[in-house]
Amino acid sequence: MAAELRYIVLSNGEVETGIQAYRRMNPDFLPAGDITSWTVNDDQTMTIEMDVKGGSTVNHVTFTVDGDEVTAILVRFCIENNIVVPRAGRKDWHLQGGKVTLRIRLNDKELTTAYDEMETVS
C-alpha cells in the first residue's frame, strides 16, 4: 500500500505570520490587540500572549489554543504562501528539532484524490 508522509517545517516568523493570517480569516479567534509572544506546550497546545487595549489601559492576556486550531493556523500559512496542502489526508503538528512542523499523511486512496486535485489546479 503506497503512502506519503510530508513535513513542512516553519520558522518562528512563519508561525506568527500564520497566526495573523488565521486571525484575519477568523475574527472571533483572538481579540484585537498585539501579539507579544507565543509558545508551544507539551500537551500539543499553543499559548499566545497579547496586549489588549481597553479604553486607556492595556491588559496583558494569555490564550490557550488547542492542537486542532494550531494545525489550522499552519495550514492557513501554507495556503496564503502557495505551499500546496492536499485537502485529503490527516494533518497534525509537532515540534521537530525545536521547529513547529505540519505533518500530512496520505494513504493510497488519499494520494489518488490529492493528485487528482492537483491536476484540476494545473
PDB file of N, CA and C in Angstrom:
ATOM      1  N   MET A   1       0.840  -1.174   0.000  1.00  0.00           N
ATOM      2  CA  MET A   1       0.000   0.000   0.000  1.00  0.00           C
ATOM      3  C   MET A   1       0.891   1.245   0.000  1.00  0.00           C
ATOM      4  N   ALA A   2       0.755   2.056  -1.009  1.00  0.00           N
ATOM      5  CA  ALA A   2       1.536   3.284  -1.092  1.00  0.00           C
ATOM      6  C   ALA A   2       1.030   4.296  -0.074  1.00  0.00           C
ATOM      7  N   ALA A   3       1.936   5.087   0.426  1.00  0.00           N
ATOM      8  CA  ALA A   3       1.583   6.137   1.382  1.00  0.00           C
ATOM      9  C   ALA A   3       2.591   7.262   1.243  1.00  0.00           C
ATOM     10  N   GLU A   4       2.192   8.434   1.675  1.00  0.00           N
ATOM     11  CA  GLU A   4       3.081   9.593   1.645  1.00  0.00           C
ATOM     12  C   GLU A   4       3.055  10.253   3.011  1.00  0.00           C
ATOM     13  N   LEU A   5       4.207  10.634   3.472  1.00  0.00           N
ATOM     14  CA  LEU A   5       4.339  11.361   4.722  1.00  0.00           C
ATOM     15  C   LEU A   5       5.124  12.617   4.404  1.00  0.00           C
ATOM     16  N   ARG A   6       4.541  13.760   4.677  1.00  0.00           N
ATOM     17  CA  ARG A   6       5.156  15.026   4.302  1.00  0.00           C
ATOM     18  C   ARG A   6       5.271  15.911   5.523  1.00  0.00           C
ATOM     19  N   TYR A   7       6.412  16.582   5.647  1.00  0.00           N
ATOM     20  CA  TYR A   7       6.645  17.518   6.737  1.00  0.00           C
ATOM     21  C   TYR A   7       6.905  18.899   6.164  1.00  0.00           C
ATOM     22  N   ILE A   8       6.251  19.888   6.716  1.00  0.00           N
ATOM     23  CA  ILE A   8       6.501  21.281   6.351  1.00  0.00           C
ATOM     24  C   ILE A   8       6.967  21.968   7.633  1.00  0.00           C
ATOM     25  N   VAL A   9       8.233  22.364   7.649  1.00  0.00           N
ATOM     26  CA  VAL A   9       8.850  22.949   8.832  1.00  0.00           C
ATOM     27  C   VAL A   9       8.787  24.469   8.703  1.00  0.00           C
ATOM     28  N   LEU A  10       8.233  25.127   9.715  1.00  0.00           N
ATOM     29  CA  LEU A  10       8.066  26.574   9.680  1.00  0.00           C
ATOM     30  C   LEU A  10       9.012  27.247  10.660  1.00  0.00           C
ATOM     31  N   SER A  11       9.495  28.408  10.275  1.00  0.00           N
ATOM     32  CA  SER A  11      10.298  29.223  11.181  1.00  0.00           C
ATOM     33  C   SER A  11       9.356  29.894  12.183  1.00  0.00           C
ATOM     34  N   ASN A  12       9.919  30.459  13.234  1.00  0.00           N
ATOM     35  CA  ASN A  12       9.097  31.165  14.223  1.00  0.00           C
ATOM     36  C   ASN A  12       8.335  32.324  13.582  1.00  0.00           C
ATOM     37  N   GLY A  13       8.980  33.041  12.676  1.00  0.00           N
ATOM     38  CA  GLY A  13       8.318  34.149  11.989  1.00  0.00           C
ATOM     39  C   GLY A  13       7.165  33.663  11.127  1.00  0.00           C
ATOM     40  N   GLU A  14       7.337  32.514  10.491  1.00  0.00           N
ATOM     41  CA  GLU A  14       6.261  31.961   9.666  1.00  0.00           C
ATOM     42  C   GLU A  14       5.083  31.520  10.516  1.00  0.00           C
ATOM     43  N   VAL A  15       5.346  30.970  11.689  1.00  0.00           N
ATOM     44  CA  VAL A  15       4.250  30.596  12.592  1.00  0.00           C
ATOM     45  C   VAL A  15       3.480  31.843  13.006  1.00  0.00           C
ATOM     46  N   GLU A  16       4.189  32.909  13.355  1.00  0.00           N
ATOM     47  CA  GLU A  16       3.499  34.146  13.740  1.00  0.00           C
ATOM     48  C   GLU A  16       2.697  34.715  12.573  1.00  0.00           C
ATOM     49  N   THR A  17       3.250  34.641  11.368  1.00  0.00           N
ATOM     50  CA  THR A  17       2.506  35.076  10.178  1.00  0.00           C
ATOM     51  C   THR A  17       1.258  34.223  10.015  1.00  0.00           C
ATOM     52  N   GLY A  18       1.364  32.921  10.285  1.00  0.00           N
ATOM     53  CA  GLY A  18       0.206  32.033  10.223  1.00  0.00           C
ATOM     54  C   GLY A  18      -0.854  32.393  11.248  1.00  0.00           C
ATOM     55  N   ILE A  19      -0.420  32.749  12.454  1.00  0.00           N
ATOM     56  CA  ILE A  19      -1.374  33.165  13.493  1.00  0.00           C
ATOM     57  C   ILE A  19      -2.132  34.400  13.018  1.00  0.00           C
ATOM     58  N   GLN A  20      -1.412  35.365  12.476  1.00  0.00           N
ATOM     59  CA  GLN A  20      -2.059  36.599  11.997  1.00  0.00           C
ATOM     60  C   GLN A  20      -3.016  36.305  10.842  1.00  0.00           C
ATOM     61  N   ALA A  21      -2.611  35.424   9.925  1.00  0.00           N
ATOM     62  CA  ALA A  21      -3.465  35.080   8.782  1.00  0.00           C
ATOM     63  C   ALA A  21      -4.728  34.359   9.251  1.00  0.00           C
ATOM     64  N   TYR A  22      -4.571  33.424  10.172  1.00  0.00           N
ATOM     65  CA  TYR A  22      -5.724  32.693  10.699  1.00  0.00           C
ATOM     66  C   TYR A  22      -6.653  33.649  11.442  1.00  0.00           C
ATOM     67  N   ARG A  23      -6.081  34.545  12.166  1.00  0.00           N
ATOM     68  CA  ARG A  23      -6.849  35.559  12.912  1.00  0.00           C
ATOM     69  C   ARG A  23      -7.646  36.446  11.960  1.00  0.00           C
ATOM     70  N   ARG A  24      -7.036  36.809  10.842  1.00  0.00           N
ATOM     71  CA  ARG A  24      -7.709  37.638   9.842  1.00  0.00           C
ATOM     72  C   ARG A  24      -8.909  36.907   9.238  1.00  0.00           C
ATOM     73  N   MET A  25      -8.769  35.599   9.024  1.00  0.00           N
ATOM     74  CA  MET A  25      -9.842  34.808   8.421  1.00  0.00           C
ATOM     75  C   MET A  25     -10.907  34.391   9.448  1.00  0.00           C
ATOM     76  N   ASN A  26     -10.554  34.421  10.726  1.00  0.00           N
ATOM     77  CA  ASN A  26     -11.458  34.007  11.815  1.00  0.00           C
ATOM     78  C   ASN A  26     -11.467  35.099  12.878  1.00  0.00           C
ATOM     79  N   PRO A  27     -12.238  36.155  12.668  1.00  0.00           N
ATOM     80  CA  PRO A  27     -12.192  37.316  13.561  1.00  0.00           C
ATOM     81  C   PRO A  27     -12.500  37.012  15.027  1.00  0.00           C
ATOM     82  N   ASP A  28     -13.189  35.928  15.313  1.00  0.00           N
ATOM     83  CA  ASP A  28     -13.510  35.587  16.704  1.00  0.00           C
ATOM     84  C   ASP A  28     -12.396  34.777  17.374  1.00  0.00           C
ATOM     85  N   PHE A  29     -11.332  34.481  16.641  1.00  0.00           N
ATOM     86  CA  PHE A  29     -10.245  33.662  17.166  1.00  0.00           C
ATOM     87  C   PHE A  29      -9.536  34.348  18.331  1.00  0.00           C
ATOM     88  N   LEU A  30      -9.135  35.583  18.157  1.00  0.00           N
ATOM     89  CA  LEU A  30      -8.471  36.365  19.205  1.00  0.00           C
ATOM     90  C   LEU A  30      -9.027  37.780  19.181  1.00  0.00           C
ATOM     91  N   PRO A  31      -8.980  38.483  20.312  1.00  0.00           N
ATOM     92  CA  PRO A  31      -9.446  39.878  20.311  1.00  0.00           C
ATOM     93  C   PRO A  31      -8.438  40.778  19.598  1.00  0.00           C
ATOM     94  N   ALA A  32      -8.872  41.986  19.312  1.00  0.00           N
ATOM     95  CA  ALA A  32      -7.959  42.974  18.721  1.00  0.00           C
ATOM     96  C   ALA A  32      -6.863  43.281  19.734  1.00  0.00           C
ATOM     97  N   GLY A  33      -5.656  43.336  19.271  1.00  0.00           N
ATOM     98  CA  GLY A  33      -4.528  43.615  20.151  1.00  0.00           C
ATOM     99  C   GLY A  33      -3.242  43.135  19.524  1.00  0.00           C
ATOM    100  N   ASP A  34      -2.146  43.362  20.207  1.00  0.00           N
ATOM    101  CA  ASP A  34      -0.830  42.995  19.703  1.00  0.00           C
ATOM    102  C   ASP A  34      -0.369  41.688  20.330  1.00  0.00           C
ATOM    103  N   ILE A  35       0.031  40.750  19.481  1.00  0.00           N
ATOM    104  CA  ILE A  35       0.597  39.501  19.976  1.00  0.00           C
ATOM    105  C   ILE A  35       2.014  39.799  20.448  1.00  0.00           C
ATOM    106  N   THR A  36       2.291  39.479  21.705  1.00  0.00           N
ATOM    107  CA  THR A  36       3.620  39.746  22.252  1.00  0.00           C
ATOM    108  C   THR A  36       4.509  38.512  22.217  1.00  0.00           C
ATOM    109  N   SER A  37       3.889  37.328  22.332  1.00  0.00           N
ATOM    110  CA  SER A  37       4.674  36.095  22.243  1.00  0.00           C
ATOM    111  C   SER A  37       3.742  34.912  22.050  1.00  0.00           C
ATOM    112  N   TRP A  38       4.325  33.812  21.625  1.00  0.00           N
ATOM    113  CA  TRP A  38       3.604  32.552  21.541  1.00  0.00           C
ATOM    114  C   TRP A  38       4.585  31.431  21.864  1.00  0.00           C
ATOM    115  N   THR A  39       4.070  30.384  22.453  1.00  0.00           N
ATOM    116  CA  THR A  39       4.887  29.220  22.764  1.00  0.00           C
ATOM    117  C   THR A  39       4.052  27.966  22.532  1.00  0.00           C
ATOM    118  N   VAL A  40       4.734  26.878  22.229  1.00  0.00           N
ATOM    119  CA  VAL A  40       4.043  25.596  22.118  1.00  0.00           C
ATOM    120  C   VAL A  40       4.272  24.833  23.413  1.00  0.00           C
ATOM    121  N   ASN A  41       3.281  24.047  23.781  1.00  0.00           N
ATOM    122  CA  ASN A  41       3.296  23.357  25.062  1.00  0.00           C
ATOM    123  C   ASN A  41       3.392  21.841  24.865  1.00  0.00           C
ATOM    124  N   ASP A  42       3.818  21.158  25.905  1.00  0.00           N
ATOM    125  CA  ASP A  42       3.974  19.706  25.853  1.00  0.00           C
ATOM    126  C   ASP A  42       2.663  18.974  25.587  1.00  0.00           C
ATOM    127  N   ASP A  43       1.532  19.604  25.905  1.00  0.00           N
ATOM    128  CA  ASP A  43       0.236  18.951  25.719  1.00  0.00           C
ATOM    129  C   ASP A  43      -0.391  19.230  24.348  1.00  0.00           C
ATOM    130  N   GLN A  44       0.458  19.606  23.374  1.00  0.00           N
ATOM    131  CA  GLN A  44       0.014  19.866  21.995  1.00  0.00           C
ATOM    132  C   GLN A  44      -0.942  21.058  21.895  1.00  0.00           C
ATOM    133  N   THR A  45      -0.727  22.059  22.731  1.00  0.00           N
ATOM    134  CA  THR A  45      -1.457  23.316  22.637  1.00  0.00           C
ATOM    135  C   THR A  45      -0.457  24.435  22.395  1.00  0.00           C
ATOM    136  N   MET A  46      -0.974  25.603  22.115  1.00  0.00           N
ATOM    137  CA  MET A  46      -0.140  26.793  21.937  1.00  0.00           C
ATOM    138  C   MET A  46      -0.655  27.865  22.886  1.00  0.00           C
ATOM    139  N   THR A  47       0.253  28.578  23.520  1.00  0.00           N
ATOM    140  CA  THR A  47      -0.104  29.704  24.368  1.00  0.00           C
ATOM    141  C   THR A  47       0.266  30.981  23.631  1.00  0.00           C
ATOM    142  N   ILE A  48      -0.704  31.882  23.508  1.00  0.00           N
ATOM    143  CA  ILE A  48      -0.491  33.166  22.850  1.00  0.00           C
ATOM    144  C   ILE A  48      -0.711  34.260  23.880  1.00  0.00           C
ATOM    145  N   GLU A  49       0.292  35.118  24.027  1.00  0.00           N
ATOM    146  CA  GLU A  49       0.179  36.254  24.937  1.00  0.00           C
ATOM    147  C   GLU A  49      -0.012  37.514  24.113  1.00  0.00           C
ATOM    148  N   MET A  50      -0.897  38.379  24.610  1.00  0.00           N
ATOM    149  CA  MET A  50      -1.264  39.592  23.874  1.00  0.00           C
ATOM    150  C   MET A  50      -1.393  40.777  24.807  1.00  0.00           C
ATOM    151  N   ASP A  51      -1.214  41.954  24.222  1.00  0.00           N
ATOM    152  CA  ASP A  51      -1.569  43.198  24.882  1.00  0.00           C
ATOM    153  C   ASP A  51      -2.853  43.685  24.230  1.00  0.00           C
ATOM    154  N   VAL A  52      -3.904  43.783  25.031  1.00  0.00           N
ATOM    155  CA  VAL A  52      -5.221  44.189  24.544  1.00  0.00           C
ATOM    156  C   VAL A  52      -5.576  45.517  25.184  1.00  0.00           C
ATOM    157  N   LYS A  53      -5.919  46.500  24.345  1.00  0.00           N
ATOM    158  CA  LYS A  53      -6.285  47.820  24.852  1.00  0.00           C
ATOM    159  C   LYS A  53      -7.757  47.833  25.225  1.00  0.00           C
ATOM    160  N   GLY A  54      -8.020  48.369  26.403  1.00  0.00           N
ATOM    161  CA  GLY A  54      -9.386  48.539  26.876  1.00  0.00           C
ATOM    162  C   GLY A  54      -9.531  49.959  27.396  1.00  0.00           C
ATOM    163  N   GLY A  55      -9.993  50.858  26.544  1.00  0.00           N
ATOM    164  CA  GLY A  55     -10.053  52.270  26.927  1.00  0.00           C
ATOM    165  C   GLY A  55      -8.653  52.832  27.009  1.00  0.00           C
ATOM    166  N   SER A  56      -8.282  53.350  28.168  1.00  0.00           N
ATOM    167  CA  SER A  56      -6.950  53.940  28.329  1.00  0.00           C
ATOM    168  C   SER A  56      -5.949  52.962  28.944  1.00  0.00           C
ATOM    169  N   THR A  57      -6.391  51.732  29.195  1.00  0.00           N
ATOM    170  CA  THR A  57      -5.488  50.743  29.801  1.00  0.00           C
ATOM    171  C   THR A  57      -5.112  49.663  28.785  1.00  0.00           C
ATOM    172  N   VAL A  58      -3.982  49.046  29.037  1.00  0.00           N
ATOM    173  CA  VAL A  58      -3.538  47.918  28.227  1.00  0.00           C
ATOM    174  C   VAL A  58      -3.451  46.708  29.150  1.00  0.00           C
ATOM    175  N   ASN A  59      -4.185  45.671  28.799  1.00  0.00           N
ATOM    176  CA  ASN A  59      -4.192  44.446  29.597  1.00  0.00           C
ATOM    177  C   ASN A  59      -3.351  43.383  28.906  1.00  0.00           C
ATOM    178  N   HIS A  60      -2.528  42.704  29.680  1.00  0.00           N
ATOM    179  CA  HIS A  60      -1.747  41.588  29.154  1.00  0.00           C
ATOM    180  C   HIS A  60      -2.565  40.328  29.399  1.00  0.00           C
ATOM    181  N   VAL A  61      -2.965  39.649  28.321  1.00  0.00           N
ATOM    182  CA  VAL A  61      -3.817  38.467  28.442  1.00  0.00           C
ATOM    183  C   VAL A  61      -3.149  37.265  27.777  1.00  0.00           C
ATOM    184  N   THR A  62      -3.548  36.088  28.212  1.00  0.00           N
ATOM    185  CA  THR A  62      -2.996  34.844  27.694  1.00  0.00           C
ATOM    186  C   THR A  62      -4.133  33.956  27.208  1.00  0.00           C
ATOM    187  N   PHE A  63      -3.945  33.356  26.028  1.00  0.00           N
ATOM    188  CA  PHE A  63      -4.924  32.447  25.453  1.00  0.00           C
ATOM    189  C   PHE A  63      -4.250  31.113  25.173  1.00  0.00           C
ATOM    190  N   THR A  64      -4.990  30.030  25.377  1.00  0.00           N
ATOM    191  CA  THR A  64      -4.502  28.701  25.029  1.00  0.00           C
ATOM    192  C   THR A  64      -5.273  28.219  23.806  1.00  0.00           C
ATOM    193  N   VAL A  65      -4.532  27.800  22.797  1.00  0.00           N
ATOM    194  CA  VAL A  65      -5.108  27.347  21.529  1.00  0.00           C
ATOM    195  C   VAL A  65      -4.938  25.830  21.471  1.00  0.00           C
ATOM    196  N   ASP A  66      -6.029  25.102  21.168  1.00  0.00           N
ATOM    197  CA  ASP A  66      -5.918  23.640  21.123  1.00  0.00           C
ATOM    198  C   ASP A  66      -5.176  23.172  19.866  1.00  0.00           C
ATOM    199  N   GLY A  67      -4.794  21.918  19.877  1.00  0.00           N
ATOM    200  CA  GLY A  67      -3.967  21.357  18.809  1.00  0.00           C
ATOM    201  C   GLY A  67      -4.591  21.428  17.434  1.00  0.00           C
ATOM    202  N   ASP A  68      -5.910  21.197  17.328  1.00  0.00           N
ATOM    203  CA  ASP A  68      -6.566  21.260  16.018  1.00  0.00           C
ATOM    204  C   ASP A  68      -6.503  22.664  15.431  1.00  0.00           C
ATOM    205  N   GLU A  69      -6.635  23.652  16.288  1.00  0.00           N
ATOM    206  CA  GLU A  69      -6.583  25.028  15.810  1.00  0.00           C
ATOM    207  C   GLU A  69      -5.152  25.417  15.419  1.00  0.00           C
ATOM    208  N   VAL A  70      -4.160  24.873  16.117  1.00  0.00           N
ATOM    209  CA  VAL A  70      -2.763  25.106  15.723  1.00  0.00           C
ATOM    210  C   VAL A  70      -2.541  24.525  14.330  1.00  0.00           C
ATOM    211  N   THR A  71      -3.060  23.336  14.083  1.00  0.00           N
ATOM    212  CA  THR A  71      -2.954  22.740  12.752  1.00  0.00           C
ATOM    213  C   THR A  71      -3.596  23.647  11.710  1.00  0.00           C
ATOM    214  N   ALA A  72      -4.755  24.184  12.023  1.00  0.00           N
ATOM    215  CA  ALA A  72      -5.449  25.089  11.093  1.00  0.00           C
ATOM    216  C   ALA A  72      -4.621  26.348  10.835  1.00  0.00           C
ATOM    217  N   ILE A  73      -3.930  26.844  11.839  1.00  0.00           N
ATOM    218  CA  ILE A  73      -3.047  28.005  11.672  1.00  0.00           C
ATOM    219  C   ILE A  73      -1.940  27.685  10.675  1.00  0.00           C
ATOM    220  N   LEU A  74      -1.337  26.516  10.806  1.00  0.00           N
ATOM    221  CA  LEU A  74      -0.240  26.135   9.916  1.00  0.00           C
ATOM    222  C   LEU A  74      -0.736  25.913   8.487  1.00  0.00           C
ATOM    223  N   VAL A  75      -1.904  25.308   8.353  1.00  0.00           N
ATOM    224  CA  VAL A  75      -2.490  25.121   7.017  1.00  0.00           C
ATOM    225  C   VAL A  75      -2.800  26.479   6.390  1.00  0.00           C
ATOM    226  N   ARG A  76      -3.330  27.404   7.163  1.00  0.00           N
ATOM    227  CA  ARG A  76      -3.634  28.751   6.655  1.00  0.00           C
ATOM    228  C   ARG A  76      -2.366  29.419   6.148  1.00  0.00           C
ATOM    229  N   PHE A  77      -1.254  29.280   6.896  1.00  0.00           N
ATOM    230  CA  PHE A  77       0.016  29.847   6.440  1.00  0.00           C
ATOM    231  C   PHE A  77       0.392  29.265   5.083  1.00  0.00           C
ATOM    232  N   CYS A  78       0.270  27.956   4.949  1.00  0.00           N
ATOM    233  CA  CYS A  78       0.637  27.311   3.688  1.00  0.00           C
ATOM    234  C   CYS A  78      -0.234  27.808   2.531  1.00  0.00           C
ATOM    235  N   ILE A  79      -1.525  27.888   2.763  1.00  0.00           N
ATOM    236  CA  ILE A  79      -2.441  28.352   1.713  1.00  0.00           C
ATOM    237  C   ILE A  79      -2.064  29.757   1.254  1.00  0.00           C
ATOM    238  N   GLU A  80      -1.816  30.654   2.195  1.00  0.00           N
ATOM    239  CA  GLU A  80      -1.522  32.038   1.843  1.00  0.00           C
ATOM    240  C   GLU A  80      -0.134  32.228   1.238  1.00  0.00           C
ATOM    241  N   ASN A  81       0.711  31.206   1.364  1.00  0.00           N
ATOM    242  CA  ASN A  81       2.062  31.307   0.815  1.00  0.00           C
ATOM    243  C   ASN A  81       2.299  30.303  -0.312  1.00  0.00           C
ATOM    244  N   ASN A  82       1.197  29.841  -0.908  1.00  0.00           N
ATOM    245  CA  ASN A  82       1.234  28.964  -2.078  1.00  0.00           C
ATOM    246  C   ASN A  82       2.030  27.683  -1.864  1.00  0.00           C
ATOM    247  N   ILE A  83       1.965  27.148  -0.654  1.00  0.00           N
ATOM    248  CA  ILE A  83       2.541  25.841  -0.360  1.00  0.00           C
ATOM    249  C   ILE A  83       1.394  24.849  -0.483  1.00  0.00           C
ATOM    250  N   VAL A  84       1.507  23.928  -1.417  1.00  0.00           N
ATOM    251  CA  VAL A  84       0.412  23.010  -1.712  1.00  0.00           C
ATOM    252  C   VAL A  84       0.162  22.083  -0.528  1.00  0.00           C
ATOM    253  N   VAL A  85      -1.086  22.110  -0.073  1.00  0.00           N
ATOM    254  CA  VAL A  85      -1.531  21.223   1.007  1.00  0.00           C
ATOM    255  C   VAL A  85      -2.788  20.521   0.497  1.00  0.00           C
ATOM    256  N   PRO A  86      -2.744  19.202   0.351  1.00  0.00           N
ATOM    257  CA  PRO A  86      -3.927  18.499  -0.154  1.00  0.00           C
ATOM    258  C   PRO A  86      -5.068  18.533   0.855  1.00  0.00           C
ATOM    259  N   ARG A  87      -6.290  18.561   0.344  1.00  0.00           N
ATOM    260  CA  ARG A  87      -7.447  18.510   1.240  1.00  0.00           C
ATOM    261  C   ARG A  87      -7.534  17.155   1.923  1.00  0.00           C
ATOM    262  N   ALA A  88      -7.186  16.125   1.163  1.00  0.00           N
ATOM    263  CA  ALA A  88      -7.223  14.763   1.710  1.00  0.00           C
ATOM    264  C   ALA A  88      -6.068  14.580   2.694  1.00  0.00           C
ATOM    265  N   GLY A  89      -6.169  13.560   3.474  1.00  0.00           N
ATOM    266  CA  GLY A  89      -5.068  13.215   4.370  1.00  0.00           C
ATOM    267  C   GLY A  89      -5.267  13.730   5.778  1.00  0.00           C
ATOM    268  N   ARG A  90      -4.535  13.117   6.688  1.00  0.00           N
ATOM    269  CA  ARG A  90      -4.573  13.527   8.086  1.00  0.00           C
ATOM    270  C   ARG A  90      -3.476  14.546   8.326  1.00  0.00           C
ATOM    271  N   LYS A  91      -3.840  15.623   8.981  1.00  0.00           N
ATOM    272  CA  LYS A  91      -2.891  16.695   9.259  1.00  0.00           C
ATOM    273  C   LYS A  91      -2.787  16.881  10.767  1.00  0.00           C
ATOM    274  N   ASP A  92      -1.572  17.033  11.233  1.00  0.00           N
ATOM    275  CA  ASP A  92      -1.340  17.368  12.618  1.00  0.00           C
ATOM    276  C   ASP A  92      -0.019  18.114  12.693  1.00  0.00           C
ATOM    277  N   TRP A  93       0.382  18.453  13.886  1.00  0.00           N
ATOM    278  CA  TRP A  93       1.629  19.204  14.025  1.00  0.00           C
ATOM    279  C   TRP A  93       2.388  18.691  15.232  1.00  0.00           C
ATOM    280  N   HIS A  94       3.669  18.979  15.230  1.00  0.00           N
ATOM    281  CA  HIS A  94       4.505  18.665  16.374  1.00  0.00           C
ATOM    282  C   HIS A  94       5.791  19.477  16.266  1.00  0.00           C
ATOM    283  N   LEU A  95       6.612  19.385  17.284  1.00  0.00           N
ATOM    284  CA  LEU A  95       7.925  20.028  17.250  1.00  0.00           C
ATOM    285  C   LEU A  95       8.938  19.035  16.702  1.00  0.00           C
ATOM    286  N   GLN A  96       9.717  19.481  15.764  1.00  0.00           N
ATOM    287  CA  GLN A  96      10.783  18.652  15.214  1.00  0.00           C
ATOM    288  C   GLN A  96      12.046  19.499  15.194  1.00  0.00           C
ATOM    289  N   GLY A  97      13.018  19.104  15.970  1.00  0.00           N
ATOM    290  CA  GLY A  97      14.249  19.888  16.052  1.00  0.00           C
ATOM    291  C   GLY A  97      14.006  21.293  16.561  1.00  0.00           C
ATOM    292  N   GLY A  98      13.022  21.450  17.452  1.00  0.00           N
ATOM    293  CA  GLY A  98      12.707  22.762  18.005  1.00  0.00           C
ATOM    294  C   GLY A  98      11.886  23.649  17.084  1.00  0.00           C
ATOM    295  N   LYS A  99      11.481  23.131  15.937  1.00  0.00           N
ATOM    296  CA  LYS A  99      10.680  23.900  14.977  1.00  0.00           C
ATOM    297  C   LYS A  99       9.267  23.337  14.904  1.00  0.00           C
ATOM    298  N   VAL A 100       8.295  24.222  14.733  1.00  0.00           N
ATOM    299  CA  VAL A 100       6.911  23.802  14.549  1.00  0.00           C
ATOM    300  C   VAL A 100       6.793  23.196  13.153  1.00  0.00           C
ATOM    301  N   THR A 101       6.225  21.988  13.099  1.00  0.00           N
ATOM    302  CA  THR A 101       6.174  21.234  11.855  1.00  0.00           C
ATOM    303  C   THR A 101       4.760  20.739  11.591  1.00  0.00           C
ATOM    304  N   LEU A 102       4.269  21.012  10.384  1.00  0.00           N
ATOM    305  CA  LEU A 102       2.982  20.480   9.932  1.00  0.00           C
ATOM    306  C   LEU A 102       3.258  19.124   9.291  1.00  0.00           C
ATOM    307  N   ARG A 103       2.534  18.102   9.732  1.00  0.00           N
ATOM    308  CA  ARG A 103       2.714  16.754   9.183  1.00  0.00           C
ATOM    309  C   ARG A 103       1.439  16.365   8.440  1.00  0.00           C
ATOM    310  N   ILE A 104       1.621  15.879   7.213  1.00  0.00           N
ATOM    311  CA  ILE A 104       0.495  15.455   6.379  1.00  0.00           C
ATOM    312  C   ILE A 104       0.727  14.001   6.003  1.00  0.00           C
ATOM    313  N   ARG A 105      -0.260  13.149   6.301  1.00  0.00           N
ATOM    314  CA  ARG A 105      -0.156  11.732   5.972  1.00  0.00           C
ATOM    315  C   ARG A 105      -1.269  11.351   5.005  1.00  0.00           C
ATOM    316  N   LEU A 106      -0.883  10.732   3.896  1.00  0.00           N
ATOM    317  CA  LEU A 106      -1.831  10.294   2.881  1.00  0.00           C
ATOM    318  C   LEU A 106      -1.668   8.800   2.644  1.00  0.00           C
ATOM    319  N   ASN A 107      -2.792   8.051   2.657  1.00  0.00           N
ATOM    320  CA  ASN A 107      -2.720   6.648   2.268  1.00  0.00           C
ATOM    321  C   ASN A 107      -2.938   6.555   0.760  1.00  0.00           C
ATOM    322  N   ASP A 108      -2.951   5.360   0.196  1.00  0.00           N
ATOM    323  CA  ASP A 108      -3.007   5.235  -1.256  1.00  0.00           C
ATOM    324  C   ASP A 108      -4.259   5.867  -1.865  1.00  0.00           C
ATOM    325  N   LYS A 109      -5.413   5.691  -1.248  1.00  0.00           N
ATOM    326  CA  LYS A 109      -6.645   6.292  -1.775  1.00  0.00           C
ATOM    327  C   LYS A 109      -6.563   7.818  -1.699  1.00  0.00           C
ATOM    328  N   GLU A 110      -6.070   8.350  -0.576  1.00  0.00           N
ATOM    329  CA  GLU A 110      -5.942   9.801  -0.414  1.00  0.00           C
ATOM    330  C   GLU A 110      -4.916  10.368  -1.383  1.00  0.00           C
ATOM    331  N   LEU A 111      -3.864   9.595  -1.681  1.00  0.00           N
ATOM    332  CA  LEU A 111      -2.869  10.038  -2.657  1.00  0.00           C
ATOM    333  C   LEU A 111      -3.517  10.262  -4.012  1.00  0.00           C
ATOM    334  N   THR A 112      -4.352   9.323  -4.430  1.00  0.00           N
ATOM    335  CA  THR A 112      -5.042   9.444  -5.721  1.00  0.00           C
ATOM    336  C   THR A 112      -5.911  10.692  -5.735  1.00  0.00           C
ATOM    337  N   THR A 113      -6.659  10.908  -4.656  1.00  0.00           N
ATOM    338  CA  THR A 113      -7.512  12.096  -4.559  1.00  0.00           C
ATOM    339  C   THR A 113      -6.683  13.369  -4.603  1.00  0.00           C
ATOM    340  N   ALA A 114      -5.576  13.392  -3.868  1.00  0.00           N
ATOM    341  CA  ALA A 114      -4.716  14.582  -3.825  1.00  0.00           C
ATOM    342  C   ALA A 114      -4.135  14.878  -5.204  1.00  0.00           C
ATOM    343  N   TYR A 115      -3.684  13.852  -5.909  1.00  0.00           N
ATOM    344  CA  TYR A 115      -3.108  14.083  -7.240  1.00  0.00           C
ATOM    345  C   TYR A 115      -4.179  14.518  -8.230  1.00  0.00           C
ATOM    346  N   ASP A 116      -5.393  14.011  -8.084  1.00  0.00           N
ATOM    347  CA  ASP A 116      -6.491  14.473  -8.932  1.00  0.00           C
ATOM    348  C   ASP A 116      -6.791  15.942  -8.690  1.00  0.00           C
ATOM    349  N   GLU A 117      -6.753  16.358  -7.406  1.00  0.00           N
ATOM    350  CA  GLU A 117      -6.947  17.786  -7.072  1.00  0.00           C
ATOM    351  C   GLU A 117      -5.883  18.644  -7.721  1.00  0.00           C
ATOM    352  N   MET A 118      -4.628  18.177  -7.681  1.00  0.00           N
ATOM    353  CA  MET A 118      -3.533  18.940  -8.264  1.00  0.00           C
ATOM    354  C   MET A 118      -3.705  19.090  -9.770  1.00  0.00           C
ATOM    355  N   GLU A 119      -4.240  18.064 -10.446  1.00  0.00           N
ATOM    356  CA  GLU A 119      -4.460  18.120 -11.884  1.00  0.00           C
ATOM    357  C   GLU A 119      -5.476  19.201 -12.237  1.00  0.00           C
ATOM    358  N   THR A 120      -6.497  19.391 -11.407  1.00  0.00           N
ATOM    359  CA  THR A 120      -7.509  20.399 -11.701  1.00  0.00           C
ATOM    360  C   THR A 120      -6.963  21.813 -11.472  1.00  0.00           C
ATOM    361  N   VAL A 121      -5.942  21.951 -10.634  1.00  0.00           N
ATOM    362  CA  VAL A 121      -5.343  23.261 -10.371  1.00  0.00           C
ATOM    363  C   VAL A 121      -4.383  23.640 -11.491  1.00  0.00           C
ATOM    364  N   SER A 122      -3.679  22.672 -12.024  1.00  0.00           N
ATOM    365  CA  SER A 122      -2.652  22.943 -13.047  1.00  0.00           C
ATOM    366  C   SER A 122      -3.218  23.403 -14.348  1.00  0.00           C
TER     367      SER A 122
END
